[in-house]
Amino acid sequence: MNILGCLDKATSGTYRVAGQDVATLDADALAQLRREHFGFIFQRYHLLSHLTAEQNVEVPAVYAGLEWKQRLLRAQELLQRLGLEDRTEYYPAQLSGGQQQRVSIARALMNGGQVILADEPTGALDSHSGEEVMAILHQLRDRGHTVIIVTHDPHTVAAQAERVIEIRDGEIVRNPPAIEKVNATGGTEPVVNTASGWRQFVSGFNEALTMAWRALAANKMRTLLTMLGIIIGIASVVSIVVVGDAAKQMVLADIRSIGTNTIDVYPGKDFGDDDPQYQQALKYDDLIAIQKQPWVASATPAVSQNLRLRYNNVDVAASANGSERRLF
């Protein structure tokens, strides 16, 4: 069924649809081929729970780029033909199994549905609803549609088919010849999109927004939790950035207070150098020489020494610092 519906490609052999070799088509071309020639009916219906019956039928035409008014009229016509004209605004949960399957049949016919692929269309239905669905499929056959049914019921469903191909363990074990072409009484007309490219783009964009809003509105709690997660994530990132920037500014402020354009000159070769050759203290003449350099704005001598200070019976360790008189 997946190969017939152009969902998968055969590993060998040739499969042509409308004269086109499916194996040579890319994903977009396959999607277009499915949209224009095939309609799908599933055992479990696969209707979108947040859309009404009418909106579910419109979905294939949305992908075809059909304008809203055309989609609406066509969906209403198909639902009326299938006896659901009074259920157009019902959601799938409000419909019976047979009604949901009729909605899925209308959806399959939305773009024309030249070939109808039905996967166990009566498998989830009671006998009465199953008979109604099979009667509808017979009507589609009489209108000129090709109806292909996959079923495990050879007595009730397969017995109604005009040609039965039996597959066992992946191999065709029975394949009777095709019957003569049936005189059709007029099938479902395929959709014809006459809108310009720009109008199709605008219509598609608006429809995407509308469907997104419907999905959000139909799942309020999920939407709320998703939004809450996004808000918490954004707030966390902003908080981290603000804290990091504040810490950066504090570090820069500390560096500025020290002074980035100040150089301290110490005697010796390096910190902790105990080589007597380099232990000679700086002299006042050294200060004068430094002050004369063109790149020096000012130079100030300073001396410091660790001492013990005594006053009466108080004896403490201290650090004494000295500088020029003009600084006081």
Protein backbone atom coordinates (compact mmCIF):
# COMPACT_ATOMS: atom_id res chain seq x y z
CA MET A 1 0.00 0.00 0.00
CA ASN A 2 2.86 2.38 0.75
CA ILE A 3 4.37 1.68 -2.66
CA LEU A 4 1.03 2.16 -4.43
CA GLY A 5 0.49 5.43 -2.55
CA CYS A 6 4.00 6.71 -3.40
CA LEU A 7 4.98 6.76 0.25
CA ASP A 8 7.78 4.24 -0.36
CA LYS A 9 9.82 3.33 -3.42
CA ALA A 10 10.12 -0.23 -4.66
CA THR A 11 13.55 -1.85 -4.35
CA SER A 12 13.14 -3.45 -7.77
CA GLY A 13 10.83 -3.25 -10.75
CA THR A 14 9.06 -0.22 -12.20
CA TYR A 15 5.96 1.54 -10.90
CA ARG A 16 4.42 4.28 -13.03
CA VAL A 17 1.67 6.71 -12.09
CA ALA A 18 0.23 8.92 -14.83
CA GLY A 19 3.16 7.87 -17.01
CA GLN A 20 5.80 8.87 -14.46
CA ASP A 21 8.32 6.44 -13.03
CA VAL A 22 7.96 6.89 -9.28
CA ALA A 23 11.56 5.83 -8.62
CA THR A 24 12.88 8.90 -10.49
CA LEU A 25 10.87 11.48 -8.51
CA ASP A 26 12.13 13.45 -5.53
CA ALA A 27 10.18 14.03 -2.31
CA ASP A 28 8.39 17.18 -3.56
CA ALA A 29 7.37 15.55 -6.83
CA LEU A 30 6.08 12.49 -4.97
CA ALA A 31 4.05 14.73 -2.65
CA GLN A 32 2.52 16.48 -5.65
CA LEU A 33 1.74 13.14 -7.29
CA ARG A 34 0.01 11.87 -4.14
CA ARG A 35 -1.92 15.10 -3.79
CA GLU A 36 -3.22 15.10 -7.36
CA HIS A 37 -4.03 11.40 -7.86
CA PHE A 38 -4.53 9.62 -4.53
CA GLY A 39 -6.92 9.69 -1.62
CA PHE A 40 -6.22 7.73 1.56
CA ILE A 41 -8.70 6.05 3.91
CA PHE A 42 -7.39 4.58 7.17
CA GLN A 43 -8.75 2.03 9.61
CA ARG A 44 -8.38 4.48 12.52
CA TYR A 45 -9.51 7.52 10.49
CA HIS A 46 -6.56 9.72 11.55
CA LEU A 47 -8.72 12.84 11.85
CA LEU A 48 -7.22 15.87 13.57
CA SER A 49 -8.95 16.10 16.93
CA HIS A 50 -8.77 19.91 17.17
CA LEU A 51 -10.48 20.44 13.79
CA THR A 52 -14.15 20.08 12.93
CA ALA A 53 -15.36 17.59 10.33
CA GLU A 54 -15.49 20.36 7.74
CA GLN A 55 -11.98 21.56 8.57
CA ASN A 56 -10.61 18.00 8.44
CA VAL A 57 -12.01 17.59 4.95
CA GLU A 58 -10.39 20.87 3.89
CA VAL A 59 -6.84 19.82 4.90
CA PRO A 60 -5.78 18.24 1.54
CA ALA A 61 -6.94 21.36 -0.30
CA VAL A 62 -4.85 23.49 2.06
CA TYR A 63 -1.77 21.64 0.81
CA ALA A 64 -2.98 22.16 -2.76
CA GLY A 65 -3.12 25.93 -2.15
CA LEU A 66 -6.87 26.22 -2.76
CA GLU A 67 -8.46 29.43 -1.49
CA TRP A 68 -10.62 29.38 1.61
CA LYS A 69 -14.00 29.91 -0.07
CA GLN A 70 -13.39 27.18 -2.63
CA ARG A 71 -12.27 24.78 0.10
CA LEU A 72 -15.31 25.53 2.22
CA LEU A 73 -17.83 25.01 -0.59
CA ARG A 74 -16.17 21.79 -1.74
CA ALA A 75 -15.97 20.37 1.80
CA GLN A 76 -19.64 21.15 2.42
CA GLU A 77 -20.59 19.53 -0.89
CA LEU A 78 -18.68 16.33 -0.12
CA LEU A 79 -20.06 16.05 3.41
CA GLN A 80 -23.58 16.61 2.09
CA ARG A 81 -23.07 13.88 -0.51
CA LEU A 82 -22.03 11.49 2.28
CA GLY A 83 -24.98 12.40 4.50
CA LEU A 84 -23.10 14.54 7.02
CA GLU A 85 -24.49 17.96 6.17
CA ASP A 86 -25.71 18.34 9.77
CA ARG A 87 -22.34 17.30 11.27
CA THR A 88 -20.01 19.79 9.58
CA GLU A 89 -19.20 21.64 12.82
CA TYR A 90 -18.79 18.51 14.94
CA TYR A 91 -15.39 17.46 16.23
CA PRO A 92 -14.17 13.86 15.72
CA ALA A 93 -14.84 12.98 19.37
CA GLN A 94 -18.49 13.92 18.82
CA LEU A 95 -18.93 11.58 15.83
CA SER A 96 -19.53 7.85 15.70
CA GLY A 97 -17.03 5.52 14.06
CA GLY A 98 -19.04 5.31 10.85
CA GLN A 99 -19.39 9.09 10.69
CA GLN A 100 -15.67 9.56 11.25
CA GLN A 101 -14.92 7.12 8.42
CA ARG A 102 -17.26 9.04 6.11
CA VAL A 103 -15.41 12.23 7.01
CA SER A 104 -12.14 10.51 6.08
CA ILE A 105 -13.70 9.42 2.76
CA ALA A 106 -14.71 13.02 2.07
CA ARG A 107 -11.15 14.07 2.90
CA ALA A 108 -9.82 11.49 0.44
CA LEU A 109 -12.05 12.97 -2.28
CA MET A 110 -11.16 16.60 -1.54
CA ASN A 111 -8.47 16.86 -4.24
CA GLY A 112 -10.28 14.55 -6.65
CA GLY A 113 -9.10 11.18 -5.37
CA GLN A 114 -8.72 9.48 -8.74
CA VAL A 115 -7.32 6.46 -6.88
CA ILE A 116 -8.70 5.65 -3.42
CA LEU A 117 -6.40 3.58 -1.19
CA ALA A 118 -8.36 2.14 1.73
CA ASP A 119 -6.52 0.33 4.53
CA GLU A 120 -9.03 -1.86 6.40
CA PRO A 121 -11.79 0.78 6.04
CA THR A 122 -14.30 -1.35 7.97
CA GLY A 123 -11.88 -2.85 10.51
CA ALA A 124 -12.87 -0.54 13.38
CA LEU A 125 -16.61 -0.40 12.58
CA ASP A 126 -19.65 -2.44 13.50
CA SER A 127 -21.34 -4.46 10.77
CA HIS A 128 -23.97 -1.82 9.95
CA SER A 129 -21.45 1.03 9.67
CA GLY A 130 -19.15 -1.25 7.69
CA GLU A 131 -21.92 -1.94 5.18
CA GLU A 132 -22.53 1.80 4.80
CA VAL A 133 -18.84 2.45 4.13
CA MET A 134 -18.67 -0.36 1.56
CA ALA A 135 -21.77 1.02 -0.16
CA ILE A 136 -20.05 4.41 -0.43
CA LEU A 137 -16.95 2.78 -1.92
CA HIS A 138 -19.15 1.00 -4.48
CA GLN A 139 -20.66 4.38 -5.40
CA LEU A 140 -17.19 5.81 -5.87
CA ARG A 141 -16.31 2.89 -8.13
CA ASP A 142 -19.44 3.54 -10.18
CA ARG A 143 -18.41 7.18 -10.52
CA GLY A 144 -15.08 6.19 -12.07
CA HIS A 145 -12.75 6.12 -9.08
CA THR A 146 -10.25 3.30 -8.73
CA VAL A 147 -10.77 1.83 -5.25
CA ILE A 148 -8.00 -0.37 -3.80
CA ILE A 149 -8.77 -2.00 -0.46
CA VAL A 150 -6.36 -3.80 1.85
CA THR A 151 -8.26 -6.26 4.03
CA HIS A 152 -7.90 -9.46 6.03
CA ASP A 153 -11.60 -10.25 5.61
CA PRO A 154 -11.96 -12.38 2.47
CA HIS A 155 -15.63 -13.19 2.99
CA THR A 156 -17.23 -9.83 3.79
CA VAL A 157 -15.00 -7.20 2.19
CA ALA A 158 -12.85 -8.94 -0.42
CA ALA A 159 -15.86 -10.85 -1.75
CA GLN A 160 -17.39 -7.56 -2.91
CA ALA A 161 -14.38 -6.60 -5.01
CA GLU A 162 -14.28 -7.20 -8.77
CA ARG A 163 -10.64 -8.25 -8.63
CA VAL A 164 -8.88 -9.83 -5.65
CA ILE A 165 -5.08 -10.01 -5.51
CA GLU A 166 -3.88 -12.25 -2.71
CA ILE A 167 -0.52 -11.65 -1.03
CA ARG A 168 1.03 -14.11 1.38
CA ASP A 169 4.38 -13.57 3.15
CA GLY A 170 5.23 -10.70 0.83
CA GLU A 171 4.57 -12.68 -2.38
CA ILE A 172 1.64 -12.48 -4.77
CA VAL A 173 0.01 -15.91 -4.78
CA ARG A 174 -3.15 -15.01 -6.70
CA ASN A 175 -3.51 -12.36 -9.39
CA PRO A 176 -6.52 -12.73 -11.68
CA PRO A 177 -6.64 -10.68 -14.90
CA ALA A 178 -8.09 -7.18 -14.86
CA ILE A 179 -11.72 -6.75 -15.79
CA GLU A 180 -12.94 -4.58 -18.61
CA LYS A 181 -13.06 -0.85 -18.02
CA VAL A 182 -16.23 0.26 -16.27
CA ASN A 183 -18.32 3.01 -17.79
CA ALA A 184 -18.15 5.77 -15.21
CA THR A 185 -21.07 8.08 -14.49
CA GLY A 186 -18.86 11.02 -13.46
CA GLY A 187 -16.34 11.02 -10.67
CA THR A 188 -15.29 13.71 -8.27
CA GLU A 189 -13.70 16.56 -10.17
CA PRO A 190 -10.11 17.33 -9.18
CA VAL A 191 -9.41 20.72 -7.66
CA VAL A 192 -8.24 23.45 -10.00
CA ASN A 193 -6.30 26.27 -8.40
CA THR A 194 -6.59 29.42 -10.51
CA ALA A 195 -5.05 31.81 -7.96
CA SER A 196 -1.80 33.60 -8.76
CA GLY A 197 1.45 32.59 -7.12
CA TRP A 198 1.37 35.59 -4.79
CA ARG A 199 -2.21 34.91 -3.70
CA GLN A 200 -1.33 31.26 -3.09
CA PHE A 201 1.60 32.34 -0.91
CA VAL A 202 -0.53 34.76 1.13
CA SER A 203 -3.34 32.22 1.45
CA GLY A 204 -0.90 29.50 2.54
CA PHE A 205 0.73 31.79 5.10
CA ASN A 206 -2.61 32.84 6.55
CA GLU A 207 -3.76 29.22 6.68
CA ALA A 208 -0.57 28.18 8.48
CA LEU A 209 -1.18 30.85 11.13
CA THR A 210 -4.82 29.81 11.46
CA MET A 211 -3.97 26.13 11.90
CA ALA A 212 -1.24 26.96 14.40
CA TRP A 213 -3.69 29.05 16.44
CA ARG A 214 -6.27 26.25 16.37
CA ALA A 215 -3.68 23.77 17.61
CA LEU A 216 -2.66 26.11 20.44
CA ALA A 217 -6.25 26.83 21.43
CA ALA A 218 -7.18 23.15 21.41
CA ASN A 219 -4.36 22.19 23.80
CA LYS A 220 -4.43 25.00 26.33
CA MET A 221 -2.51 23.23 29.10
CA ARG A 222 0.23 22.05 26.75
CA THR A 223 0.47 25.55 25.30
CA LEU A 224 0.68 27.06 28.80
CA LEU A 225 3.44 24.67 29.88
CA THR A 226 5.38 25.29 26.67
CA MET A 227 5.12 29.05 27.11
CA LEU A 228 6.14 28.72 30.77
CA GLY A 229 9.23 26.75 29.78
CA ILE A 230 10.16 29.37 27.18
CA ILE A 231 9.65 32.20 29.69
CA ILE A 232 11.78 30.46 32.33
CA GLY A 233 14.51 29.78 29.78
CA ILE A 234 14.60 33.38 28.56
CA ALA A 235 14.55 34.73 32.13
CA SER A 236 17.43 32.42 33.10
CA VAL A 237 19.56 33.52 30.16
CA VAL A 238 18.84 37.21 30.82
CA SER A 239 19.66 36.80 34.53
CA ILE A 240 22.96 35.06 33.79
CA VAL A 241 23.92 37.74 31.28
CA VAL A 242 23.04 40.55 33.73
CA VAL A 243 24.95 38.93 36.61
CA GLY A 244 27.95 38.25 34.39
CA ASP A 245 27.97 41.80 33.06
CA ALA A 246 27.71 43.21 36.60
CA ALA A 247 30.67 41.08 37.74
CA LYS A 248 32.64 42.23 34.72
CA GLN A 249 31.94 45.88 35.51
CA MET A 250 33.01 45.38 39.13
CA VAL A 251 36.32 43.87 38.04
CA LEU A 252 36.91 46.69 35.57
CA ALA A 253 36.11 49.25 38.27
CA ASP A 254 38.68 47.65 40.59
CA ILE A 255 41.27 47.72 37.82
CA ARG A 256 40.53 51.38 37.11
CA SER A 257 40.96 52.23 40.80
CA ILE A 258 44.43 50.67 40.73
CA GLY A 259 45.34 52.65 37.66
CA THR A 260 46.23 51.00 34.39
CA ASN A 261 48.77 53.73 33.49
CA THR A 262 50.91 53.42 36.65
CA ILE A 263 54.29 51.64 36.75
CA ASP A 264 56.06 50.71 39.99
CA VAL A 265 59.87 50.45 39.85
CA TYR A 266 61.61 48.33 42.49
CA PRO A 267 65.30 47.70 43.12
CA GLY A 268 66.68 44.30 42.23
CA LYS A 269 66.20 42.02 39.28
CA ASP A 270 62.87 40.46 40.31
CA PHE A 271 60.59 39.95 43.32
CA GLY A 272 62.44 38.01 46.03
CA ASP A 273 65.81 38.53 44.35
CA ASP A 274 68.56 38.11 46.99
CA ASP A 275 71.57 38.73 44.73
CA PRO A 276 73.63 41.47 46.45
CA GLN A 277 74.68 42.80 43.04
CA TYR A 278 71.14 43.99 42.43
CA GLN A 279 70.16 44.94 45.96
CA GLN A 280 71.42 48.54 45.74
CA ALA A 281 68.56 50.88 46.54
CA LEU A 282 67.27 53.42 44.04
CA LYS A 283 68.70 56.91 44.46
CA TYR A 284 67.22 60.36 44.11
CA ASP A 285 69.21 60.81 40.88
CA ASP A 286 67.31 57.85 39.48
CA LEU A 287 64.07 59.71 40.19
CA ILE A 288 65.30 62.81 38.32
CA ALA A 289 66.34 60.68 35.33
CA ILE A 290 62.93 59.02 35.17
CA GLN A 291 61.07 62.34 35.42
CA LYS A 292 62.96 63.66 32.38
CA GLN A 293 61.58 60.95 30.10
CA PRO A 294 59.00 62.35 27.59
CA TRP A 295 56.50 59.56 28.25
CA VAL A 296 56.43 60.11 32.03
CA ALA A 297 53.77 62.44 33.41
CA SER A 298 55.04 62.31 36.98
CA ALA A 299 57.32 60.22 39.18
CA THR A 300 57.16 59.93 42.93
CA PRO A 301 59.68 58.24 45.24
CA ALA A 302 58.41 55.90 47.89
CA VAL A 303 60.01 53.70 50.51
CA SER A 304 58.50 51.05 52.74
CA GLN A 305 59.87 48.85 55.49
CA ASN A 306 58.49 46.39 58.00
CA LEU A 307 59.24 47.66 61.54
CA ARG A 308 58.33 47.01 65.12
CA LEU A 309 56.73 49.91 66.91
CA ARG A 310 56.95 50.28 70.68
CA TYR A 311 55.10 52.61 72.96
CA ASN A 312 55.51 52.02 76.66
CA ASN A 313 54.72 48.37 77.08
CA VAL A 314 53.01 47.99 73.66
CA ASP A 315 55.04 46.29 70.94
CA VAL A 316 53.46 45.69 67.49
CA ALA A 317 54.63 44.76 63.99
CA ALA A 318 53.96 47.47 61.43
CA SER A 319 54.74 48.55 57.90
CA ALA A 320 56.12 52.06 57.46
CA ASN A 321 55.70 53.87 54.12
CA GLY A 322 57.41 57.13 53.19
CA SER A 323 57.13 59.50 50.21
CA GLU A 324 57.79 63.10 49.17
CA ARG A 325 56.67 65.98 51.32
CA ARG A 326 54.71 67.53 48.47
CA LEU A 327 52.24 64.65 48.58
CA PHE A 328 51.09 65.55 52.09
